[in-house]
Amino acid sequence: MTTPAPDSEALLRAFRHQSMSLLADTVNMNSYLQKMENFENSHYEDVFLDADSYKTLISSFKRLGRVQNLVGHGNFNVLSFDEMLNYSKRYSSVGAFPKVESDFLEHVFSFNAKEYGFFGDKVISELTAVIPARERKKMSRTGHFLYRGESDALYKKVERDLGPSIVLTSGIRSVVKQTHLFLAKTIQSKGNLSRASRSLAPPGHSYHGIGDFDVGKVGYGSKNFTSEFAKTKEFQRLVDLGYVDMRYPLHNLLGVRYEPWHIKVV
């Protein structure tokens, strides 16, 4: 039995289709990498809040800020959603969250972040998730909490090995804290959810909620949350000692900027 000769036209069509597919993938990858290189700029495919939602975002953000002022920055880091609502009802200095604001916050949490370009895992599935007091530890002189066990032990080891020039810059972040930070980024981005998510994991997607933490150089201020931190001796020491297993490395495909300060624990 003879094998029929291949259809040259069919082969050519298949080759062209494969070539076009590879070209499209290359173009998409180049577009993605350019967006990440320019994460603080707006891009054509970005998703924006509409005008009414943006107004609700502003009022919700301000009310969250009043809760933070009431309970203190450290306690706000571990505050649950239900606790936040209770504080707002009990204290006139905050004022109860109207339904339009609480619904908006729930929507921000439940929204599919992939639709605006964030591709990381959702690690907290419940808006009302609680961080039990017995599982967390307040870290002295930082205003932050860490989970007892692996996170606490790793930070102590980092402190011991690097000395007084290293500091914990962010520890546990509850859903409420991450929401407040994300809304701040969205305001800074003029309602651009995609741009905000390139700088900060959306609520429910931050590994700070389950164990990761950030470190920085003492006295380095806001530069600790930029790529400038990667130029410090402290960062190089972290690399040399094998502490840096980055959650968001350079050119990652999760839709988040490079974060050399983020220590992966979980």
C-alpha atoms as a PDB file:
ATOM      1  CA  MET A   1       0.000   0.000   0.000  1.00  0.00           C
ATOM      2  CA  THR A   2       1.489   3.325  -1.036  1.00  0.00           C
ATOM      3  CA  THR A   3       1.388   6.476   1.050  1.00  0.00           C
ATOM      4  CA  PRO A   4      -0.179   9.395  -0.829  1.00  0.00           C
ATOM      5  CA  ALA A   5       2.030  12.400  -1.483  1.00  0.00           C
ATOM      6  CA  PRO A   6       1.446  15.263   0.926  1.00  0.00           C
ATOM      7  CA  ASP A   7      -0.803  18.082  -0.210  1.00  0.00           C
ATOM      8  CA  SER A   8       1.690  20.914  -0.745  1.00  0.00           C
ATOM      9  CA  GLU A   9      -1.024  23.593  -0.537  1.00  0.00           C
ATOM     10  CA  ALA A  10      -2.306  22.187   2.760  1.00  0.00           C
ATOM     11  CA  LEU A  11       1.223  22.100   4.163  1.00  0.00           C
ATOM     12  CA  LEU A  12       1.793  25.693   3.106  1.00  0.00           C
ATOM     13  CA  ARG A  13      -1.472  26.794   4.742  1.00  0.00           C
ATOM     14  CA  ALA A  14      -0.547  24.973   7.981  1.00  0.00           C
ATOM     15  CA  PHE A  15       2.901  26.564   7.966  1.00  0.00           C
ATOM     16  CA  ARG A  16       1.441  30.028   7.430  1.00  0.00           C
ATOM     17  CA  HIS A  17      -1.087  29.490  10.232  1.00  0.00           C
ATOM     18  CA  GLN A  18       1.630  28.326  12.627  1.00  0.00           C
ATOM     19  CA  SER A  19       3.886  31.236  11.659  1.00  0.00           C
ATOM     20  CA  MET A  20       1.075  33.766  12.196  1.00  0.00           C
ATOM     21  CA  SER A  21       0.262  32.186  15.562  1.00  0.00           C
ATOM     22  CA  LEU A  22       3.906  32.400  16.668  1.00  0.00           C
ATOM     23  CA  LEU A  23       4.080  35.995  15.436  1.00  0.00           C
ATOM     24  CA  ALA A  24       0.935  36.895  17.385  1.00  0.00           C
ATOM     25  CA  ASP A  25       2.365  35.290  20.521  1.00  0.00           C
ATOM     26  CA  THR A  26       5.593  37.248  20.063  1.00  0.00           C
ATOM     27  CA  VAL A  27       3.714  40.521  19.565  1.00  0.00           C
ATOM     28  CA  ASN A  28       1.546  39.818  22.627  1.00  0.00           C
ATOM     29  CA  MET A  29       4.607  38.977  24.741  1.00  0.00           C
ATOM     30  CA  ASN A  30       6.421  42.108  23.583  1.00  0.00           C
ATOM     31  CA  SER A  31       3.326  44.185  24.377  1.00  0.00           C
ATOM     32  CA  TYR A  32       3.075  42.592  27.824  1.00  0.00           C
ATOM     33  CA  LEU A  33       6.743  43.172  28.634  1.00  0.00           C
ATOM     34  CA  GLN A  34       6.520  46.795  27.481  1.00  0.00           C
ATOM     35  CA  LYS A  35       3.543  47.300  29.806  1.00  0.00           C
ATOM     36  CA  MET A  36       5.481  45.862  32.697  1.00  0.00           C
ATOM     37  CA  GLU A  37       8.524  47.986  31.894  1.00  0.00           C
ATOM     38  CA  ASN A  38       6.218  51.026  31.978  1.00  0.00           C
ATOM     39  CA  PHE A  39       3.918  49.813  34.749  1.00  0.00           C
ATOM     40  CA  GLU A  40       3.069  53.319  35.958  1.00  0.00           C
ATOM     41  CA  ASN A  41       1.725  54.414  32.573  1.00  0.00           C
ATOM     42  CA  SER A  42      -1.712  53.721  31.113  1.00  0.00           C
ATOM     43  CA  HIS A  43      -2.052  51.411  28.105  1.00  0.00           C
ATOM     44  CA  TYR A  44      -4.659  50.812  25.420  1.00  0.00           C
ATOM     45  CA  GLU A  45      -6.080  47.572  26.871  1.00  0.00           C
ATOM     46  CA  ASP A  46      -6.299  48.848  30.459  1.00  0.00           C
ATOM     47  CA  VAL A  47      -9.564  48.605  32.405  1.00  0.00           C
ATOM     48  CA  PHE A  48     -10.916  51.761  34.066  1.00  0.00           C
ATOM     49  CA  LEU A  49     -13.677  52.303  36.612  1.00  0.00           C
ATOM     50  CA  ASP A  50     -16.684  54.253  35.386  1.00  0.00           C
ATOM     51  CA  ALA A  51     -17.368  57.698  36.859  1.00  0.00           C
ATOM     52  CA  ASP A  52     -19.967  56.544  39.427  1.00  0.00           C
ATOM     53  CA  SER A  53     -17.802  53.649  40.644  1.00  0.00           C
ATOM     54  CA  TYR A  54     -14.833  55.977  40.943  1.00  0.00           C
ATOM     55  CA  LYS A  55     -16.829  58.306  43.222  1.00  0.00           C
ATOM     56  CA  THR A  56     -17.784  55.323  45.380  1.00  0.00           C
ATOM     57  CA  LEU A  57     -14.133  54.257  45.459  1.00  0.00           C
ATOM     58  CA  ILE A  58     -13.134  57.681  46.791  1.00  0.00           C
ATOM     59  CA  SER A  59     -15.745  57.700  49.557  1.00  0.00           C
ATOM     60  CA  SER A  60     -14.962  54.075  50.507  1.00  0.00           C
ATOM     61  CA  PHE A  61     -11.244  54.833  50.631  1.00  0.00           C
ATOM     62  CA  LYS A  62     -11.774  57.824  52.896  1.00  0.00           C
ATOM     63  CA  ARG A  63     -13.968  55.807  55.270  1.00  0.00           C
ATOM     64  CA  LEU A  64     -11.364  53.022  55.403  1.00  0.00           C
ATOM     65  CA  GLY A  65      -8.802  55.690  56.228  1.00  0.00           C
ATOM     66  CA  ARG A  66     -10.931  56.865  59.148  1.00  0.00           C
ATOM     67  CA  VAL A  67     -11.094  53.290  60.450  1.00  0.00           C
ATOM     68  CA  GLN A  68      -7.300  53.090  60.204  1.00  0.00           C
ATOM     69  CA  ASN A  69      -6.932  56.353  62.147  1.00  0.00           C
ATOM     70  CA  LEU A  70      -9.276  54.984  64.800  1.00  0.00           C
ATOM     71  CA  VAL A  71      -7.622  51.603  65.384  1.00  0.00           C
ATOM     72  CA  GLY A  72      -4.035  52.537  64.506  1.00  0.00           C
ATOM     73  CA  HIS A  73      -1.908  51.529  61.519  1.00  0.00           C
ATOM     74  CA  GLY A  74      -0.570  48.344  63.121  1.00  0.00           C
ATOM     75  CA  ASN A  75      -3.964  46.981  64.153  1.00  0.00           C
ATOM     76  CA  PHE A  76      -5.433  47.963  60.777  1.00  0.00           C
ATOM     77  CA  ASN A  77      -2.971  45.549  59.131  1.00  0.00           C
ATOM     78  CA  VAL A  78      -4.767  42.575  60.690  1.00  0.00           C
ATOM     79  CA  LEU A  79      -8.347  43.906  60.828  1.00  0.00           C
ATOM     80  CA  SER A  80     -11.057  41.675  59.365  1.00  0.00           C
ATOM     81  CA  PHE A  81     -13.875  42.925  57.141  1.00  0.00           C
ATOM     82  CA  ASP A  82     -16.561  42.311  59.782  1.00  0.00           C
ATOM     83  CA  GLU A  83     -14.481  44.056  62.457  1.00  0.00           C
ATOM     84  CA  MET A  84     -14.095  47.025  60.125  1.00  0.00           C
ATOM     85  CA  LEU A  85     -17.859  47.222  59.589  1.00  0.00           C
ATOM     86  CA  ASN A  86     -18.492  47.028  63.328  1.00  0.00           C
ATOM     87  CA  TYR A  87     -16.058  49.866  64.058  1.00  0.00           C
ATOM     88  CA  SER A  88     -17.733  52.009  61.410  1.00  0.00           C
ATOM     89  CA  LYS A  89     -21.149  51.449  62.996  1.00  0.00           C
ATOM     90  CA  ARG A  90     -19.974  52.104  66.543  1.00  0.00           C
ATOM     91  CA  TYR A  91     -17.978  55.287  65.995  1.00  0.00           C
ATOM     92  CA  SER A  92     -19.472  58.449  64.548  1.00  0.00           C
ATOM     93  CA  SER A  93     -15.968  59.616  63.626  1.00  0.00           C
ATOM     94  CA  VAL A  94     -16.032  56.896  60.949  1.00  0.00           C
ATOM     95  CA  GLY A  95     -19.710  56.532  60.073  1.00  0.00           C
ATOM     96  CA  ALA A  96     -21.356  53.290  58.961  1.00  0.00           C
ATOM     97  CA  PHE A  97     -20.538  52.085  55.464  1.00  0.00           C
ATOM     98  CA  PRO A  98     -23.606  52.723  53.271  1.00  0.00           C
ATOM     99  CA  LYS A  99     -24.717  49.786  51.131  1.00  0.00           C
ATOM    100  CA  VAL A 100     -23.268  51.287  47.969  1.00  0.00           C
ATOM    101  CA  GLU A 101     -19.803  51.340  49.577  1.00  0.00           C
ATOM    102  CA  SER A 102     -19.933  47.885  51.193  1.00  0.00           C
ATOM    103  CA  ASP A 103     -21.236  46.433  47.903  1.00  0.00           C
ATOM    104  CA  PHE A 104     -18.407  48.156  46.058  1.00  0.00           C
ATOM    105  CA  LEU A 105     -15.780  46.692  48.411  1.00  0.00           C
ATOM    106  CA  GLU A 106     -17.283  43.228  47.992  1.00  0.00           C
ATOM    107  CA  HIS A 107     -17.184  43.668  44.203  1.00  0.00           C
ATOM    108  CA  VAL A 108     -13.517  44.714  44.279  1.00  0.00           C
ATOM    109  CA  PHE A 109     -12.731  41.536  46.223  1.00  0.00           C
ATOM    110  CA  SER A 110     -14.827  39.153  44.090  1.00  0.00           C
ATOM    111  CA  PHE A 111     -13.965  40.622  40.666  1.00  0.00           C
ATOM    112  CA  ASN A 112     -11.912  38.385  38.368  1.00  0.00           C
ATOM    113  CA  ALA A 113      -8.549  40.163  38.432  1.00  0.00           C
ATOM    114  CA  LYS A 114      -7.464  38.458  35.200  1.00  0.00           C
ATOM    115  CA  GLU A 115      -9.891  40.746  33.370  1.00  0.00           C
ATOM    116  CA  TYR A 116      -7.694  43.714  34.157  1.00  0.00           C
ATOM    117  CA  GLY A 117      -4.388  41.929  33.713  1.00  0.00           C
ATOM    118  CA  PHE A 118      -3.412  40.365  37.041  1.00  0.00           C
ATOM    119  CA  PHE A 119      -2.608  36.652  36.654  1.00  0.00           C
ATOM    120  CA  GLY A 120      -1.490  35.667  40.158  1.00  0.00           C
ATOM    121  CA  ASP A 121      -3.384  33.194  42.334  1.00  0.00           C
ATOM    122  CA  LYS A 122      -6.229  34.177  44.602  1.00  0.00           C
ATOM    123  CA  VAL A 123      -4.906  32.923  47.944  1.00  0.00           C
ATOM    124  CA  ILE A 124      -7.721  34.170  50.201  1.00  0.00           C
ATOM    125  CA  SER A 125     -11.168  33.067  49.085  1.00  0.00           C
ATOM    126  CA  GLU A 126     -13.336  34.672  51.771  1.00  0.00           C
ATOM    127  CA  LEU A 127     -13.871  38.430  52.076  1.00  0.00           C
ATOM    128  CA  THR A 128     -14.508  37.968  55.808  1.00  0.00           C
ATOM    129  CA  ALA A 129     -11.344  35.896  56.461  1.00  0.00           C
ATOM    130  CA  VAL A 130      -9.981  36.377  59.994  1.00  0.00           C
ATOM    131  CA  ILE A 131      -6.342  36.347  61.158  1.00  0.00           C
ATOM    132  CA  PRO A 132      -6.540  34.793  64.647  1.00  0.00           C
ATOM    133  CA  ALA A 133      -4.611  36.649  67.365  1.00  0.00           C
ATOM    134  CA  ARG A 134      -2.886  33.416  68.471  1.00  0.00           C
ATOM    135  CA  GLU A 135      -1.376  32.972  64.985  1.00  0.00           C
ATOM    136  CA  ARG A 136       0.221  36.399  64.696  1.00  0.00           C
ATOM    137  CA  LYS A 137       3.000  38.258  66.452  1.00  0.00           C
ATOM    138  CA  LYS A 138       3.615  42.013  66.706  1.00  0.00           C
ATOM    139  CA  MET A 139       7.181  42.751  65.642  1.00  0.00           C
ATOM    140  CA  SER A 140       8.828  45.306  67.889  1.00  0.00           C
ATOM    141  CA  ARG A 141       9.815  48.700  66.488  1.00  0.00           C
ATOM    142  CA  THR A 142       8.123  48.036  63.134  1.00  0.00           C
ATOM    143  CA  GLY A 143       4.369  48.471  63.603  1.00  0.00           C
ATOM    144  CA  HIS A 144       3.843  45.223  61.673  1.00  0.00           C
ATOM    145  CA  PHE A 145       2.724  41.690  62.446  1.00  0.00           C
ATOM    146  CA  LEU A 146       4.109  38.387  61.193  1.00  0.00           C
ATOM    147  CA  TYR A 147       2.641  34.913  61.359  1.00  0.00           C
ATOM    148  CA  ARG A 148       4.106  32.821  64.138  1.00  0.00           C
ATOM    149  CA  GLY A 149       6.193  29.925  62.924  1.00  0.00           C
ATOM    150  CA  GLU A 150       7.892  29.998  59.538  1.00  0.00           C
ATOM    151  CA  SER A 151       7.470  33.728  58.784  1.00  0.00           C
ATOM    152  CA  ASP A 152       8.585  34.878  62.230  1.00  0.00           C
ATOM    153  CA  ALA A 153      11.549  32.487  62.257  1.00  0.00           C
ATOM    154  CA  LEU A 154      12.706  33.503  58.775  1.00  0.00           C
ATOM    155  CA  TYR A 155      12.599  37.218  59.577  1.00  0.00           C
ATOM    156  CA  LYS A 156      14.571  36.661  62.787  1.00  0.00           C
ATOM    157  CA  LYS A 157      17.188  34.783  60.773  1.00  0.00           C
ATOM    158  CA  VAL A 158      17.362  37.627  58.211  1.00  0.00           C
ATOM    159  CA  GLU A 159      17.793  40.128  61.068  1.00  0.00           C
ATOM    160  CA  ARG A 160      20.498  38.027  62.655  1.00  0.00           C
ATOM    161  CA  ASP A 161      22.454  37.561  59.425  1.00  0.00           C
ATOM    162  CA  LEU A 162      22.153  41.099  58.027  1.00  0.00           C
ATOM    163  CA  GLY A 163      22.264  43.090  61.236  1.00  0.00           C
ATOM    164  CA  PRO A 164      20.710  46.463  62.098  1.00  0.00           C
ATOM    165  CA  SER A 165      20.629  47.815  58.530  1.00  0.00           C
ATOM    166  CA  ILE A 166      17.646  45.602  57.568  1.00  0.00           C
ATOM    167  CA  VAL A 167      14.057  46.296  58.624  1.00  0.00           C
ATOM    168  CA  LEU A 168      10.625  44.736  58.211  1.00  0.00           C
ATOM    169  CA  THR A 169       8.678  47.139  55.985  1.00  0.00           C
ATOM    170  CA  SER A 170       5.442  45.168  55.616  1.00  0.00           C
ATOM    171  CA  GLY A 171       4.165  41.992  57.236  1.00  0.00           C
ATOM    172  CA  ILE A 172       0.683  40.515  57.476  1.00  0.00           C
ATOM    173  CA  ARG A 173      -1.939  42.349  55.447  1.00  0.00           C
ATOM    174  CA  SER A 174      -5.565  41.439  55.952  1.00  0.00           C
ATOM    175  CA  VAL A 175      -8.107  41.726  53.143  1.00  0.00           C
ATOM    176  CA  VAL A 176      -9.080  45.125  54.567  1.00  0.00           C
ATOM    177  CA  LYS A 177      -5.488  46.415  54.535  1.00  0.00           C
ATOM    178  CA  GLN A 178      -4.853  45.118  51.007  1.00  0.00           C
ATOM    179  CA  THR A 179      -8.106  46.691  49.834  1.00  0.00           C
ATOM    180  CA  HIS A 180      -7.105  50.052  51.287  1.00  0.00           C
ATOM    181  CA  LEU A 181      -3.710  49.866  49.559  1.00  0.00           C
ATOM    182  CA  PHE A 182      -5.278  48.782  46.259  1.00  0.00           C
ATOM    183  CA  LEU A 183      -7.820  51.600  46.326  1.00  0.00           C
ATOM    184  CA  ALA A 184      -5.000  54.067  47.002  1.00  0.00           C
ATOM    185  CA  LYS A 185      -3.147  52.757  43.931  1.00  0.00           C
ATOM    186  CA  THR A 186      -6.327  53.007  41.856  1.00  0.00           C
ATOM    187  CA  ILE A 187      -6.810  56.630  42.920  1.00  0.00           C
ATOM    188  CA  GLN A 188      -3.184  57.339  42.080  1.00  0.00           C
ATOM    189  CA  SER A 189      -3.859  55.684  38.703  1.00  0.00           C
ATOM    190  CA  LYS A 190      -6.982  57.837  38.110  1.00  0.00           C
ATOM    191  CA  GLY A 191      -9.345  54.865  38.151  1.00  0.00           C
ATOM    192  CA  ASN A 192      -7.131  52.549  36.083  1.00  0.00           C
ATOM    193  CA  LEU A 193      -7.520  49.113  37.708  1.00  0.00           C
ATOM    194  CA  SER A 194      -4.984  47.514  35.369  1.00  0.00           C
ATOM    195  CA  ARG A 195      -2.330  50.072  36.204  1.00  0.00           C
ATOM    196  CA  ALA A 196      -3.027  49.660  39.940  1.00  0.00           C
ATOM    197  CA  SER A 197      -2.697  45.865  39.715  1.00  0.00           C
ATOM    198  CA  ARG A 198       0.675  46.161  37.981  1.00  0.00           C
ATOM    199  CA  SER A 199       1.996  47.758  41.191  1.00  0.00           C
ATOM    200  CA  LEU A 200       0.043  45.873  43.843  1.00  0.00           C
ATOM    201  CA  ALA A 201      -1.792  42.559  44.125  1.00  0.00           C
ATOM    202  CA  PRO A 202      -5.580  43.057  44.295  1.00  0.00           C
ATOM    203  CA  PRO A 203      -7.439  42.094  47.514  1.00  0.00           C
ATOM    204  CA  GLY A 204      -7.405  38.344  48.080  1.00  0.00           C
ATOM    205  CA  HIS A 205      -4.365  37.858  45.846  1.00  0.00           C
ATOM    206  CA  SER A 206      -1.626  39.085  48.181  1.00  0.00           C
ATOM    207  CA  TYR A 207       0.636  36.488  49.783  1.00  0.00           C
ATOM    208  CA  HIS A 208       1.089  38.981  52.637  1.00  0.00           C
ATOM    209  CA  GLY A 209      -2.239  37.607  53.808  1.00  0.00           C
ATOM    210  CA  ILE A 210      -0.823  34.110  54.345  1.00  0.00           C
ATOM    211  CA  GLY A 211       2.852  34.524  55.230  1.00  0.00           C
ATOM    212  CA  ASP A 212       5.096  36.570  52.927  1.00  0.00           C
ATOM    213  CA  PHE A 213       6.701  39.824  54.068  1.00  0.00           C
ATOM    214  CA  ASP A 214       8.769  42.762  52.803  1.00  0.00           C
ATOM    215  CA  VAL A 215      12.136  43.987  53.990  1.00  0.00           C
ATOM    216  CA  GLY A 216      14.114  47.144  53.328  1.00  0.00           C
ATOM    217  CA  LYS A 217      17.206  49.107  54.142  1.00  0.00           C
ATOM    218  CA  VAL A 218      17.015  51.251  57.259  1.00  0.00           C
ATOM    219  CA  GLY A 219      16.807  54.935  56.290  1.00  0.00           C
ATOM    220  CA  TYR A 220      16.073  54.180  52.626  1.00  0.00           C
ATOM    221  CA  GLY A 221      12.448  55.318  52.863  1.00  0.00           C
ATOM    222  CA  SER A 222      10.169  54.876  49.851  1.00  0.00           C
ATOM    223  CA  LYS A 223      13.079  53.634  47.732  1.00  0.00           C
ATOM    224  CA  ASN A 224      12.678  50.319  49.551  1.00  0.00           C
ATOM    225  CA  PHE A 225       9.585  49.769  47.387  1.00  0.00           C
ATOM    226  CA  THR A 226      11.304  50.472  44.072  1.00  0.00           C
ATOM    227  CA  SER A 227      13.863  48.668  41.923  1.00  0.00           C
ATOM    228  CA  GLU A 228      16.475  50.870  43.639  1.00  0.00           C
ATOM    229  CA  PHE A 229      16.424  48.419  46.544  1.00  0.00           C
ATOM    230  CA  ALA A 230      18.028  45.829  44.248  1.00  0.00           C
ATOM    231  CA  LYS A 231      21.110  48.069  44.069  1.00  0.00           C
ATOM    232  CA  THR A 232      21.715  48.046  47.825  1.00  0.00           C
ATOM    233  CA  LYS A 233      24.275  45.987  49.725  1.00  0.00           C
ATOM    234  CA  GLU A 234      21.414  44.630  51.814  1.00  0.00           C
ATOM    235  CA  PHE A 235      19.723  43.135  48.762  1.00  0.00           C
ATOM    236  CA  GLN A 236      22.967  41.628  47.498  1.00  0.00           C
ATOM    237  CA  ARG A 237      23.528  40.097  50.923  1.00  0.00           C
ATOM    238  CA  LEU A 238      20.023  38.595  50.836  1.00  0.00           C
ATOM    239  CA  VAL A 239      20.852  37.057  47.454  1.00  0.00           C
ATOM    240  CA  ASP A 240      24.240  35.769  48.571  1.00  0.00           C
ATOM    241  CA  LEU A 241      22.697  34.085  51.615  1.00  0.00           C
ATOM    242  CA  GLY A 242      19.934  32.500  49.569  1.00  0.00           C
ATOM    243  CA  TYR A 243      17.003  34.356  51.119  1.00  0.00           C
ATOM    244  CA  VAL A 244      15.658  35.696  47.860  1.00  0.00           C
ATOM    245  CA  ASP A 245      13.199  33.330  46.232  1.00  0.00           C
ATOM    246  CA  MET A 246      11.224  36.091  44.614  1.00  0.00           C
ATOM    247  CA  ARG A 247       7.471  36.057  44.402  1.00  0.00           C
ATOM    248  CA  TYR A 248       7.569  38.618  41.577  1.00  0.00           C
ATOM    249  CA  PRO A 249      10.937  38.410  39.773  1.00  0.00           C
ATOM    250  CA  LEU A 250      12.052  40.545  36.850  1.00  0.00           C
ATOM    251  CA  HIS A 251       9.976  39.853  33.704  1.00  0.00           C
ATOM    252  CA  ASN A 252       7.500  37.641  35.578  1.00  0.00           C
ATOM    253  CA  LEU A 253       4.282  36.679  33.768  1.00  0.00           C
ATOM    254  CA  LEU A 254       1.885  37.413  36.633  1.00  0.00           C
ATOM    255  CA  GLY A 255       1.131  41.008  35.670  1.00  0.00           C
ATOM    256  CA  VAL A 256       3.073  42.531  38.572  1.00  0.00           C
ATOM    257  CA  ARG A 257       6.154  44.733  38.553  1.00  0.00           C
ATOM    258  CA  TYR A 258       9.521  43.505  39.790  1.00  0.00           C
ATOM    259  CA  GLU A 259       9.569  43.330  43.620  1.00  0.00           C
ATOM    260  CA  PRO A 260      13.104  42.633  44.914  1.00  0.00           C
ATOM    261  CA  TRP A 261      12.044  43.555  48.472  1.00  0.00           C
ATOM    262  CA  HIS A 262       9.375  40.822  48.738  1.00  0.00           C
ATOM    263  CA  ILE A 263      10.439  37.734  50.703  1.00  0.00           C
ATOM    264  CA  LYS A 264       8.623  34.579  49.644  1.00  0.00           C
ATOM    265  CA  VAL A 265       7.693  32.335  52.554  1.00  0.00           C
ATOM    266  CA  VAL A 266       4.655  30.277  51.563  1.00  0.00           C
END
